[in-house]
């Protein structure tokens, strides 16, 4: 009977040691997971900050592109006006040359 009790005590001691070892391992794993969680939270905040900065940069680039586009539109309108004016001047010169041809033809006929 005493031997049986001693065997039970030894088994219980082994179980207690195993349980303590498991508890220690779980505590260590928990500590590592807590550190990892903290690192992930920090990284997540950094990514969010970076995303905000990226969005601000995109907005700034879009504003610059819009400003450049407006400048190009203004300049192109001016160029188109100059082109139309030049075309009208060329048409006037063409009409004058045509008139000169008619005048010279009339002069040739009249001589």
N, C-alpha and C. Protein backbone atom coordinates (compact mmCIF):
# COMPACT_ATOMS: atom_id res chain seq x y z
N UNK A 1 0.84 -1.19 0.00
CA UNK A 1 0.00 0.00 0.00
C UNK A 1 0.88 1.25 0.00
N UNK A 2 1.91 1.26 0.85
CA UNK A 2 2.82 2.40 0.92
C UNK A 2 3.54 2.55 -0.42
N UNK A 3 3.90 1.41 -0.97
CA UNK A 3 4.59 1.45 -2.26
C UNK A 3 3.67 2.03 -3.33
N UNK A 4 2.43 1.69 -3.29
CA UNK A 4 1.45 2.19 -4.23
C UNK A 4 1.29 3.72 -4.06
N UNK A 5 1.25 4.19 -2.87
CA UNK A 5 1.14 5.62 -2.59
C UNK A 5 2.39 6.33 -3.09
N UNK A 6 3.55 5.72 -2.86
CA UNK A 6 4.80 6.33 -3.34
C UNK A 6 4.82 6.42 -4.86
N UNK A 7 4.33 5.37 -5.52
CA UNK A 7 4.27 5.40 -6.99
C UNK A 7 3.33 6.52 -7.46
N UNK A 8 2.21 6.65 -6.79
CA UNK A 8 1.26 7.72 -7.13
C UNK A 8 1.90 9.09 -6.91
N UNK A 9 2.64 9.23 -5.83
CA UNK A 9 3.32 10.52 -5.57
C UNK A 9 4.35 10.81 -6.65
N UNK A 10 5.08 9.78 -7.07
CA UNK A 10 6.07 9.97 -8.12
C UNK A 10 5.38 10.37 -9.43
N UNK A 11 4.30 9.70 -9.76
CA UNK A 11 3.54 10.06 -10.97
C UNK A 11 3.01 11.49 -10.89
N UNK A 12 2.48 11.84 -9.74
CA UNK A 12 1.95 13.19 -9.55
C UNK A 12 3.07 14.22 -9.63
N UNK A 13 4.24 13.88 -9.11
CA UNK A 13 5.39 14.78 -9.18
C UNK A 13 5.80 14.97 -10.63
N UNK A 14 5.86 13.86 -11.39
CA UNK A 14 6.20 13.97 -12.80
C UNK A 14 5.19 14.83 -13.55
N UNK A 15 3.91 14.61 -13.26
CA UNK A 15 2.87 15.42 -13.90
C UNK A 15 3.00 16.89 -13.53
N UNK A 16 3.32 17.15 -12.27
CA UNK A 16 3.47 18.53 -11.82
C UNK A 16 4.66 19.19 -12.52
N UNK A 17 5.76 18.45 -12.66
CA UNK A 17 6.95 18.99 -13.35
C UNK A 17 6.60 19.27 -14.81
N UNK A 18 5.88 18.32 -15.46
CA UNK A 18 5.47 18.53 -16.84
C UNK A 18 4.58 19.76 -16.97
N UNK A 19 3.65 19.88 -16.04
CA UNK A 19 2.73 21.01 -16.07
C UNK A 19 3.49 22.32 -15.87
N UNK A 20 4.44 22.33 -14.97
CA UNK A 20 5.25 23.55 -14.75
C UNK A 20 6.07 23.88 -16.00
N UNK A 21 6.67 22.84 -16.61
CA UNK A 21 7.43 23.07 -17.84
C UNK A 21 6.52 23.62 -18.95
N UNK A 22 5.33 23.03 -19.08
CA UNK A 22 4.38 23.52 -20.08
C UNK A 22 3.98 24.95 -19.77
N UNK A 23 3.72 25.24 -18.51
CA UNK A 23 3.33 26.60 -18.12
C UNK A 23 4.45 27.58 -18.43
N UNK A 24 5.69 27.19 -18.16
CA UNK A 24 6.84 28.06 -18.44
C UNK A 24 6.96 28.30 -19.94
N UNK A 25 6.83 27.23 -20.73
CA UNK A 25 6.90 27.38 -22.19
C UNK A 25 5.78 28.29 -22.70
N UNK A 26 4.57 28.10 -22.17
CA UNK A 26 3.45 28.92 -22.59
C UNK A 26 3.65 30.39 -22.20
N UNK A 27 4.22 30.62 -21.03
CA UNK A 27 4.51 32.00 -20.62
C UNK A 27 5.52 32.65 -21.56
N UNK A 28 6.57 31.87 -21.91
CA UNK A 28 7.59 32.39 -22.84
C UNK A 28 6.97 32.68 -24.21
N UNK A 29 6.14 31.75 -24.68
CA UNK A 29 5.47 31.94 -25.98
C UNK A 29 4.55 33.15 -25.93
N UNK A 30 3.83 33.29 -24.82
CA UNK A 30 2.95 34.44 -24.66
C UNK A 30 3.74 35.75 -24.69
N UNK A 31 4.88 35.76 -24.01
CA UNK A 31 5.72 36.97 -23.99
C UNK A 31 6.20 37.30 -25.41
N UNK A 32 6.64 36.27 -26.15
CA UNK A 32 7.08 36.48 -27.53
C UNK A 32 5.94 37.00 -28.41
N UNK A 33 4.75 36.41 -28.21
CA UNK A 33 3.60 36.86 -28.99
C UNK A 33 3.21 38.30 -28.64
N UNK A 34 3.34 38.67 -27.39
CA UNK A 34 3.04 40.06 -26.98
C UNK A 34 4.01 41.03 -27.64
N UNK A 35 5.29 40.65 -27.67
CA UNK A 35 6.31 41.49 -28.33
C UNK A 35 6.00 41.58 -29.82
N UNK A 36 5.67 40.45 -30.43
CA UNK A 36 5.35 40.43 -31.85
C UNK A 36 4.12 41.29 -32.14
N UNK A 37 3.13 41.20 -31.28
CA UNK A 37 1.93 42.03 -31.44
C UNK A 37 2.27 43.51 -31.36
N UNK A 38 3.10 43.86 -30.41
CA UNK A 38 3.51 45.26 -30.27
C UNK A 38 4.25 45.72 -31.52
N UNK A 39 5.14 44.87 -32.04
CA UNK A 39 5.88 45.21 -33.27
C UNK A 39 4.93 45.38 -34.45
N UNK A 40 3.93 44.50 -34.57
CA UNK A 40 2.96 44.60 -35.66
C UNK A 40 2.14 45.89 -35.54
N UNK A 41 1.77 46.23 -34.32
CA UNK A 41 1.00 47.47 -34.12
C UNK A 41 1.84 48.68 -34.53
N UNK A 42 3.12 48.67 -34.14
CA UNK A 42 4.02 49.78 -34.51
C UNK A 42 4.17 49.85 -36.02
N UNK A 43 4.36 48.69 -36.63
CA UNK A 43 4.51 48.64 -38.09
C UNK A 43 3.24 49.12 -38.78
N UNK A 44 2.10 48.72 -38.24
CA UNK A 44 0.81 49.12 -38.81
C UNK A 44 0.65 50.64 -38.73
N UNK A 45 1.00 51.23 -37.61
CA UNK A 45 0.92 52.68 -37.47
C UNK A 45 1.86 53.37 -38.44
N UNK A 46 3.06 52.81 -38.60
CA UNK A 46 4.03 53.39 -39.55
C UNK A 46 3.50 53.32 -40.98
N UNK A 47 2.87 52.19 -41.32
CA UNK A 47 2.30 52.05 -42.66
C UNK A 47 1.16 53.04 -42.88
N UNK A 48 0.35 53.21 -41.86
CA UNK A 48 -0.75 54.18 -41.98
C UNK A 48 -0.20 55.60 -42.15
N UNK A 49 0.83 55.93 -41.41
CA UNK A 49 1.45 57.25 -41.55
C UNK A 49 2.02 57.40 -42.94
N UNK A 50 2.70 56.36 -43.41
CA UNK A 50 3.27 56.39 -44.75
C UNK A 50 2.20 56.51 -45.81
N UNK A 51 1.08 55.84 -45.58
CA UNK A 51 -0.02 55.91 -46.54
C UNK A 51 -0.59 57.32 -46.57
N UNK A 52 -0.72 57.94 -45.42
CA UNK A 52 -1.21 59.32 -45.37
C UNK A 52 -0.24 60.24 -46.09
N UNK A 53 1.05 60.03 -45.85
CA UNK A 53 2.06 60.85 -46.52
C UNK A 53 2.01 60.62 -48.03
N UNK A 54 1.82 59.35 -48.43
CA UNK A 54 1.74 59.04 -49.86
C UNK A 54 0.52 59.71 -50.49
N UNK A 55 -0.61 59.68 -49.80
CA UNK A 55 -1.81 60.32 -50.32
C UNK A 55 -1.60 61.82 -50.44
N UNK A 56 -0.93 62.41 -49.48
CA UNK A 56 -0.65 63.84 -49.53
C UNK A 56 0.26 64.14 -50.72
N UNK A 57 1.24 63.29 -50.96
CA UNK A 57 2.16 63.48 -52.09
C UNK A 57 1.41 63.33 -53.41
N UNK A 58 0.52 62.36 -53.50
CA UNK A 58 -0.28 62.17 -54.70
C UNK A 58 -1.14 63.40 -54.96
N UNK A 59 -1.75 63.93 -53.91
CA UNK A 59 -2.59 65.13 -54.05
C UNK A 59 -1.74 66.31 -54.52
N UNK A 60 -0.57 66.46 -53.94
CA UNK A 60 0.31 67.56 -54.33
C UNK A 60 0.73 67.40 -55.80
N UNK A 61 1.07 66.19 -56.21
CA UNK A 61 1.45 65.95 -57.60
C UNK A 61 0.28 66.21 -58.55
N UNK A 62 -0.92 65.84 -58.12
CA UNK A 62 -2.10 66.09 -58.95
C UNK A 62 -2.35 67.59 -59.08
N UNK A 63 -2.15 68.34 -58.01
CA UNK A 63 -2.32 69.79 -58.06
C UNK A 63 -1.30 70.42 -59.02
N UNK A 64 -0.06 69.96 -58.96
CA UNK A 64 0.98 70.48 -59.86
C UNK A 64 0.64 70.13 -61.31
N UNK A 65 0.19 68.90 -61.53
CA UNK A 65 -0.17 68.48 -62.89
C UNK A 65 -1.34 69.32 -63.41
N UNK A 66 -2.31 69.60 -62.56
CA UNK A 66 -3.45 70.43 -62.95
C UNK A 66 -3.00 71.84 -63.31
N UNK A 67 -2.11 72.38 -62.51
CA UNK A 67 -1.59 73.72 -62.78
C UNK A 67 -0.84 73.74 -64.12
N UNK A 68 -0.01 72.73 -64.36
CA UNK A 68 0.71 72.64 -65.63
C UNK A 68 -0.25 72.47 -66.81
N UNK A 69 -1.29 71.70 -66.62
CA UNK A 69 -2.29 71.49 -67.67
C UNK A 69 -3.00 72.80 -68.00
N UNK A 70 -3.33 73.57 -66.99
CA UNK A 70 -3.98 74.87 -67.22
C UNK A 70 -3.05 75.80 -68.00
N UNK A 71 -1.76 75.79 -67.67
CA UNK A 71 -0.79 76.61 -68.39
C UNK A 71 -0.72 76.18 -69.85
N UNK A 72 -0.68 74.87 -70.10
CA UNK A 72 -0.63 74.35 -71.47
C UNK A 72 -1.89 74.77 -72.23
N UNK A 73 -3.05 74.69 -71.58
CA UNK A 73 -4.30 75.08 -72.23
C UNK A 73 -4.27 76.55 -72.61
N UNK A 74 -3.82 77.39 -71.69
CA UNK A 74 -3.74 78.82 -71.95
C UNK A 74 -2.80 79.09 -73.13
N UNK A 75 -1.63 78.48 -73.10
CA UNK A 75 -0.65 78.68 -74.18
C UNK A 75 -1.17 78.15 -75.51
N UNK A 76 -1.85 77.02 -75.47
CA UNK A 76 -2.36 76.45 -76.72
C UNK A 76 -3.46 77.33 -77.29
N UNK A 77 -4.29 77.93 -76.45
CA UNK A 77 -5.32 78.85 -76.95
C UNK A 77 -4.66 80.03 -77.66
N UNK A 78 -3.61 80.55 -77.05
CA UNK A 78 -2.88 81.67 -77.66
C UNK A 78 -2.28 81.24 -78.99
N UNK A 79 -1.69 80.06 -79.04
CA UNK A 79 -1.09 79.55 -80.28
C UNK A 79 -2.16 79.35 -81.35
N UNK A 80 -3.31 78.84 -80.97
CA UNK A 80 -4.39 78.62 -81.93
C UNK A 80 -4.88 79.95 -82.49
N UNK A 81 -5.01 80.95 -81.63
CA UNK A 81 -5.42 82.29 -82.09
C UNK A 81 -4.40 82.83 -83.09
N UNK A 82 -3.10 82.67 -82.79
CA UNK A 82 -2.06 83.14 -83.69
C UNK A 82 -2.11 82.38 -85.02
N UNK A 83 -2.36 81.07 -84.95
CA UNK A 83 -2.45 80.25 -86.15
C UNK A 83 -3.63 80.69 -87.02
N UNK A 84 -4.78 80.93 -86.42
CA UNK A 84 -5.96 81.39 -87.16
C UNK A 84 -5.69 82.75 -87.78
N UNK A 85 -5.07 83.63 -87.00
CA UNK A 85 -4.74 84.96 -87.52
C UNK A 85 -3.78 84.85 -88.70
N UNK A 86 -2.78 83.97 -88.59
CA UNK A 86 -1.83 83.74 -89.68
C UNK A 86 -2.52 83.18 -90.90
N UNK A 87 -3.46 82.28 -90.69
CA UNK A 87 -4.20 81.68 -91.81
C UNK A 87 -5.05 82.74 -92.50
N UNK A 88 -5.66 83.63 -91.72
CA UNK A 88 -6.45 84.72 -92.31
C UNK A 88 -5.56 85.66 -93.12
N UNK A 89 -4.36 85.95 -92.60
CA UNK A 89 -3.41 86.79 -93.33
C UNK A 89 -2.99 86.13 -94.63
N UNK A 90 -2.71 84.83 -94.59
CA UNK A 90 -2.34 84.11 -95.80
C UNK A 90 -3.48 84.11 -96.82
N UNK A 91 -4.72 83.99 -96.32
CA UNK A 91 -5.87 84.04 -97.22
C UNK A 91 -5.98 85.41 -97.89
N UNK A 92 -5.71 86.47 -97.13
CA UNK A 92 -5.72 87.82 -97.67
C UNK A 92 -4.64 87.97 -98.75
N UNK A 93 -3.45 87.48 -98.48
CA UNK A 93 -2.36 87.54 -99.46
C UNK A 93 -2.75 86.76 -100.71
N UNK A 94 -3.34 85.58 -100.52
CA UNK A 94 -3.77 84.76 -101.66
C UNK A 94 -4.80 85.51 -102.48
N UNK A 95 -5.76 86.17 -101.80
CA UNK A 95 -6.78 86.94 -102.51
C UNK A 95 -6.15 88.11 -103.28
N UNK A 96 -5.16 88.77 -102.66
CA UNK A 96 -4.48 89.88 -103.33
C UNK A 96 -3.73 89.39 -104.57
N UNK A 97 -3.04 88.27 -104.45
CA UNK A 97 -2.32 87.71 -105.59
C UNK A 97 -3.28 87.33 -106.72
N UNK A 98 -4.43 86.82 -106.34
CA UNK A 98 -5.44 86.45 -107.32
C UNK A 98 -5.95 87.70 -108.04
N UNK A 99 -6.13 88.77 -107.25
CA UNK A 99 -6.59 90.04 -107.83
C UNK A 99 -5.54 90.60 -108.78
N UNK A 100 -4.27 90.49 -108.41
CA UNK A 100 -3.18 90.99 -109.27
C UNK A 100 -3.17 90.22 -110.58
N UNK A 101 -3.40 88.91 -110.51
CA UNK A 101 -3.46 88.10 -111.73
C UNK A 101 -4.60 88.59 -112.63
N UNK A 102 -5.72 88.87 -112.05
CA UNK A 102 -6.87 89.34 -112.83
C UNK A 102 -6.57 90.70 -113.46
N UNK A 103 -5.91 91.56 -112.67
CA UNK A 103 -5.59 92.90 -113.18
C UNK A 103 -4.62 92.77 -114.34
N UNK A 104 -3.61 91.90 -114.21
CA UNK A 104 -2.63 91.76 -115.29
C UNK A 104 -3.28 91.11 -116.51
N UNK A 105 -4.23 90.22 -116.33
CA UNK A 105 -4.92 89.61 -117.46
C UNK A 105 -5.76 90.65 -118.19
N UNK A 106 -6.36 91.54 -117.41
CA UNK A 106 -7.19 92.58 -118.01
C UNK A 106 -6.30 93.54 -118.79
N UNK A 107 -5.13 93.83 -118.24
CA UNK A 107 -4.21 94.73 -118.89
C UNK A 107 -3.71 94.14 -120.21
N UNK A 108 -3.44 92.86 -120.19
CA UNK A 108 -2.97 92.18 -121.40
C UNK A 108 -4.03 92.20 -122.48
N UNK A 109 -5.28 92.03 -122.08
CA UNK A 109 -6.39 92.02 -123.04
C UNK A 109 -6.64 93.42 -123.60
N UNK A 110 -6.43 94.42 -122.79
CA UNK A 110 -6.72 95.79 -123.15
C UNK A 110 -5.64 96.42 -124.00
N UNK A 111 -4.48 95.90 -124.14
CA UNK A 111 -3.40 96.52 -124.90
C UNK A 111 -3.58 96.35 -126.31
